[in-house]
Amino acid sequence: MQFAAIVLLIVCYGLALYLGWLQRTPLYLFTIVAGHIGALTSPLWRVLYGVRYSLDLSTVQTLLGQPITLPVLIGAGWFYPLPALIVFYLFSTRWWFPGTVTGALTYLVFLLYHMLIETLGLRTQTWAYSGEALPLGISAPLLAALMGSLVSYGLLYVLLSAHRSTWPNMLLAVLPAPLLLSLLVHGLLGAPLWIALLLDGQAWAVLAGLLSALLLVGWAVQIITGGIRRLGS
């Protein structure tokens, strides 16, 4: 999967340069570079959510001292940005229009994309999840997909909002977006769950944390969908 990630990254950069030249915008290139920056928080989420990467690198790492591995950095270039860029391209060619229904359907498509990536990552043993299963039959990969799709969905809103800006303003809006969205989704919205997991809470505490995190994620999806609808009006 590591080789496929590298090939996909090269293809994404090539298409970003071509579409940027064709549409006279650096937005595509800015977004892929921003994806790499978003990987800065990856070591933290590995600890808080119990993610283990099975790579031929050091596995003995601490919360504050974990390195960002090269495969993670490579994959980050397209992991969050790819679905957002595809929908933005469809928007720029008038094959997709912002609205409440299209926004909600887009999030569901993003969810399927992230579930596919999670499945491929687990089957190829690129990463694994440690710890016990979550309550309500919700698996750790499903939770990761729900959060990952929200980051991509938020990134799409940023692209739709910034695509008519000047290049410097576009850079300021897009470059930190995946990093900030990851901090918001995994760090803040998921806080009720990871705090319960980190403190090794009882079953009821983990259940309450999971339900709270899911409600916050759903609330955030509704807010972004409303923002996308307003962009289309």
Protein backbone atom coordinates (compact mmCIF):
# COMPACT_ATOMS: atom_id res chain seq x y z
CA MET A 1 0.00 0.00 0.00
CA GLN A 2 2.95 2.29 0.58
CA PHE A 3 3.92 2.08 -3.10
CA ALA A 4 0.32 2.79 -4.11
CA ALA A 5 0.26 5.82 -1.80
CA ILE A 6 3.40 7.21 -3.45
CA VAL A 7 2.01 6.65 -6.94
CA LEU A 8 -1.29 8.27 -5.99
CA LEU A 9 0.55 11.26 -4.52
CA ILE A 10 2.55 11.72 -7.73
CA VAL A 11 -0.65 11.53 -9.78
CA CYS A 12 -2.33 14.07 -7.49
CA TYR A 13 0.56 16.51 -7.83
CA GLY A 14 0.56 16.07 -11.60
CA LEU A 15 -3.19 16.70 -11.84
CA ALA A 16 -2.92 19.64 -9.44
CA LEU A 17 -0.32 21.29 -11.66
CA TYR A 18 -2.31 20.58 -14.82
CA LEU A 19 -5.65 21.77 -13.43
CA GLY A 20 -3.96 24.76 -11.84
CA TRP A 21 -2.55 25.76 -15.21
CA LEU A 22 -5.85 25.05 -16.97
CA GLN A 23 -8.02 27.00 -14.51
CA ARG A 24 -5.37 29.57 -13.61
CA THR A 25 -5.50 28.81 -9.90
CA PRO A 26 -2.99 27.38 -7.42
CA LEU A 27 -5.81 26.08 -5.21
CA TYR A 28 -5.26 22.42 -6.09
CA LEU A 29 -1.54 22.59 -5.35
CA PHE A 30 -2.07 24.55 -2.14
CA THR A 31 -4.54 21.91 -0.93
CA ILE A 32 -2.20 18.95 -1.43
CA VAL A 33 0.64 20.77 0.34
CA ALA A 34 -1.81 21.58 3.13
CA GLY A 35 -2.55 17.87 3.46
CA HIS A 36 1.09 17.22 4.34
CA ILE A 37 0.94 19.92 7.01
CA GLY A 38 -2.15 18.24 8.43
CA ALA A 39 -0.02 15.19 9.23
CA LEU A 40 1.66 17.12 12.07
CA THR A 41 -1.06 16.00 14.47
CA SER A 42 -0.91 12.35 13.43
CA PRO A 43 1.35 11.19 16.31
CA LEU A 44 -1.05 12.67 18.86
CA TRP A 45 -4.12 10.92 17.46
CA ARG A 46 -2.21 7.64 17.36
CA VAL A 47 -1.85 7.78 21.13
CA LEU A 48 -5.26 9.19 22.03
CA TYR A 49 -7.29 6.87 19.79
CA GLY A 50 -5.08 3.79 19.99
CA VAL A 51 -3.89 3.70 16.37
CA ARG A 52 -0.81 1.61 15.64
CA TYR A 53 1.04 1.81 12.33
CA SER A 54 2.73 -1.44 11.32
CA LEU A 55 5.71 0.05 9.51
CA ASP A 56 9.35 -0.97 9.41
CA LEU A 57 10.29 1.93 11.67
CA SER A 58 10.59 2.53 15.37
CA THR A 59 7.48 1.45 17.24
CA VAL A 60 8.58 2.49 20.71
CA GLN A 61 7.39 6.10 20.79
CA THR A 62 6.11 8.49 23.41
CA LEU A 63 3.26 10.97 23.33
CA LEU A 64 5.45 14.04 22.94
CA GLY A 65 8.32 12.48 21.06
CA GLN A 66 6.79 10.46 18.25
CA PRO A 67 8.18 11.20 14.78
CA ILE A 68 5.95 11.67 11.76
CA THR A 69 6.85 8.68 9.64
CA LEU A 70 7.53 9.18 5.93
CA PRO A 71 4.68 6.92 4.75
CA VAL A 72 2.21 8.89 6.89
CA LEU A 73 3.56 12.16 5.53
CA ILE A 74 3.23 10.87 1.96
CA GLY A 75 -0.31 9.61 2.42
CA ALA A 76 -1.38 12.82 4.12
CA GLY A 77 -0.95 14.67 0.83
CA TRP A 78 -4.09 13.01 -0.54
CA PHE A 79 -5.80 11.36 2.46
CA TYR A 80 -8.03 14.32 3.40
CA PRO A 81 -7.67 16.55 0.30
CA LEU A 82 -8.48 14.05 -2.48
CA PRO A 83 -12.28 13.78 -2.05
CA ALA A 84 -12.58 17.51 -1.41
CA LEU A 85 -10.57 18.32 -4.54
CA ILE A 86 -12.64 15.96 -6.69
CA VAL A 87 -15.89 17.61 -5.60
CA PHE A 88 -14.37 21.06 -6.04
CA TYR A 89 -13.36 20.14 -9.58
CA LEU A 90 -16.92 19.00 -10.27
CA PHE A 91 -18.10 22.33 -8.85
CA SER A 92 -15.74 24.28 -11.09
CA THR A 93 -17.02 22.40 -14.15
CA ARG A 94 -20.68 22.80 -13.06
CA TRP A 95 -21.22 19.09 -12.43
CA TRP A 96 -21.85 19.70 -8.74
CA PHE A 97 -23.79 22.48 -7.05
CA PRO A 98 -23.70 23.46 -3.36
CA GLY A 99 -26.93 22.85 -1.49
CA THR A 100 -28.41 21.08 1.50
CA VAL A 101 -29.13 17.79 -0.27
CA THR A 102 -25.93 17.75 -2.34
CA GLY A 103 -23.92 18.66 0.75
CA ALA A 104 -25.37 15.82 2.83
CA LEU A 105 -24.89 13.33 0.00
CA THR A 106 -21.33 14.55 -0.44
CA TYR A 107 -20.56 13.83 3.21
CA LEU A 108 -21.93 10.29 2.78
CA VAL A 109 -19.70 9.78 -0.26
CA PHE A 110 -16.74 11.07 1.75
CA LEU A 111 -17.65 8.60 4.49
CA LEU A 112 -17.60 5.72 2.00
CA TYR A 113 -14.20 6.90 0.73
CA HIS A 114 -12.70 6.97 4.22
CA MET A 115 -14.24 3.61 5.10
CA LEU A 116 -12.61 2.16 1.99
CA ILE A 117 -9.23 3.62 2.96
CA GLU A 118 -9.62 2.27 6.51
CA THR A 119 -10.47 -1.19 5.15
CA LEU A 120 -7.48 -1.21 2.80
CA GLY A 121 -5.16 0.02 5.55
CA LEU A 122 -6.25 -2.74 7.92
CA ARG A 123 -6.17 -5.53 5.34
CA THR A 124 -2.68 -4.59 4.19
CA GLN A 125 -1.61 -4.21 7.85
CA THR A 126 -0.49 -0.65 7.22
CA TRP A 127 -2.07 0.29 10.55
CA ALA A 128 -4.06 -1.35 13.31
CA TYR A 129 -6.18 -0.30 16.27
CA SER A 130 -5.26 -1.29 19.79
CA GLY A 131 -7.59 -1.43 22.76
CA GLU A 132 -11.02 -2.87 23.33
CA ALA A 133 -13.98 -2.52 21.00
CA LEU A 134 -16.13 0.58 21.41
CA PRO A 135 -19.70 0.38 22.77
CA LEU A 136 -22.83 0.05 20.60
CA GLY A 137 -20.97 -2.17 18.15
CA ILE A 138 -19.17 0.84 16.65
CA SER A 139 -15.73 -0.15 15.44
CA ALA A 140 -12.65 2.05 15.69
CA PRO A 141 -12.27 2.14 11.86
CA LEU A 142 -15.87 3.38 11.51
CA LEU A 143 -15.26 6.14 14.05
CA ALA A 144 -12.05 7.09 12.25
CA ALA A 145 -13.95 7.22 8.95
CA LEU A 146 -16.67 9.42 10.47
CA MET A 147 -14.09 11.87 11.73
CA GLY A 148 -11.92 11.71 8.62
CA SER A 149 -14.87 12.39 6.34
CA LEU A 150 -15.77 15.41 8.49
CA VAL A 151 -12.25 16.82 8.02
CA SER A 152 -12.54 16.34 4.24
CA TYR A 153 -16.03 17.87 4.29
CA GLY A 154 -14.79 20.90 6.19
CA LEU A 155 -11.89 21.22 3.77
CA LEU A 156 -14.37 21.26 0.87
CA TYR A 157 -16.18 24.18 2.52
CA VAL A 158 -12.87 26.04 2.81
CA LEU A 159 -12.13 25.45 -0.88
CA LEU A 160 -15.57 26.67 -1.92
CA SER A 161 -15.18 29.75 0.25
CA ALA A 162 -11.64 30.64 -0.83
CA HIS A 163 -11.52 29.79 -4.54
CA ARG A 164 -12.27 33.38 -5.64
CA SER A 165 -9.82 34.97 -3.22
CA THR A 166 -6.50 36.46 -4.17
CA TRP A 167 -3.61 34.00 -4.16
CA PRO A 168 -2.13 35.22 -0.82
CA ASN A 169 -5.53 35.09 0.90
CA MET A 170 -6.17 31.69 -0.66
CA LEU A 171 -2.87 30.44 0.70
CA LEU A 172 -3.65 31.75 4.18
CA ALA A 173 -7.07 30.07 4.15
CA VAL A 174 -6.15 26.70 2.65
CA LEU A 175 -2.67 25.92 3.95
CA PRO A 176 -3.54 25.53 7.65
CA ALA A 177 -7.06 24.16 7.00
CA PRO A 178 -6.42 20.37 7.28
CA LEU A 179 -4.30 20.86 10.40
CA LEU A 180 -6.87 23.09 12.11
CA LEU A 181 -9.78 20.89 11.04
CA SER A 182 -7.99 17.80 12.37
CA LEU A 183 -7.40 19.56 15.69
CA LEU A 184 -11.05 20.57 15.80
CA VAL A 185 -12.52 17.19 14.86
CA HIS A 186 -10.15 14.75 16.57
CA GLY A 187 -9.03 17.02 19.37
CA LEU A 188 -12.17 18.93 20.36
CA LEU A 189 -15.21 17.05 19.03
CA GLY A 190 -13.69 13.70 19.94
CA ALA A 191 -12.52 14.90 23.36
CA PRO A 192 -15.34 13.24 25.35
CA LEU A 193 -14.27 9.87 23.97
CA TRP A 194 -10.49 10.12 24.05
CA ILE A 195 -10.52 11.55 27.55
CA ALA A 196 -12.55 8.55 28.73
CA LEU A 197 -10.18 6.18 26.91
CA LEU A 198 -7.06 7.95 28.16
CA LEU A 199 -8.26 7.78 31.77
CA ASP A 200 -9.22 4.12 31.32
CA GLY A 201 -12.77 4.98 32.31
CA GLN A 202 -15.51 2.52 33.10
CA ALA A 203 -17.86 1.22 30.42
CA TRP A 204 -20.54 3.83 31.11
CA ALA A 205 -17.97 6.65 30.83
CA VAL A 206 -16.71 5.36 27.48
CA LEU A 207 -20.30 4.98 26.27
CA ALA A 208 -21.15 8.54 27.33
CA GLY A 209 -17.98 9.82 25.67
CA LEU A 210 -18.73 7.97 22.45
CA LEU A 211 -22.32 9.23 22.28
CA SER A 212 -21.18 12.79 22.98
CA ALA A 213 -18.51 12.60 20.28
CA LEU A 214 -20.99 11.22 17.73
CA LEU A 215 -23.51 13.96 18.53
CA LEU A 216 -20.82 16.62 18.14
CA VAL A 217 -19.72 15.16 14.81
CA GLY A 218 -23.32 15.13 13.58
CA TRP A 219 -23.76 18.72 14.75
CA ALA A 220 -20.62 19.77 12.87
CA VAL A 221 -21.85 18.05 9.69
CA GLN A 222 -25.09 20.01 9.96
CA ILE A 223 -23.23 23.30 10.40
CA ILE A 224 -20.97 22.69 7.39
CA THR A 225 -23.94 21.59 5.28
CA GLY A 226 -25.71 24.82 6.18
CA GLY A 227 -22.61 26.79 5.22
CA ILE A 228 -22.41 25.01 1.86
CA ARG A 229 -26.11 25.75 1.26
CA ARG A 230 -25.51 29.45 1.90
CA LEU A 231 -22.62 29.45 -0.57
CA GLY A 232 -25.01 28.18 -3.23
CA SER A 233 -27.73 30.72 -2.55
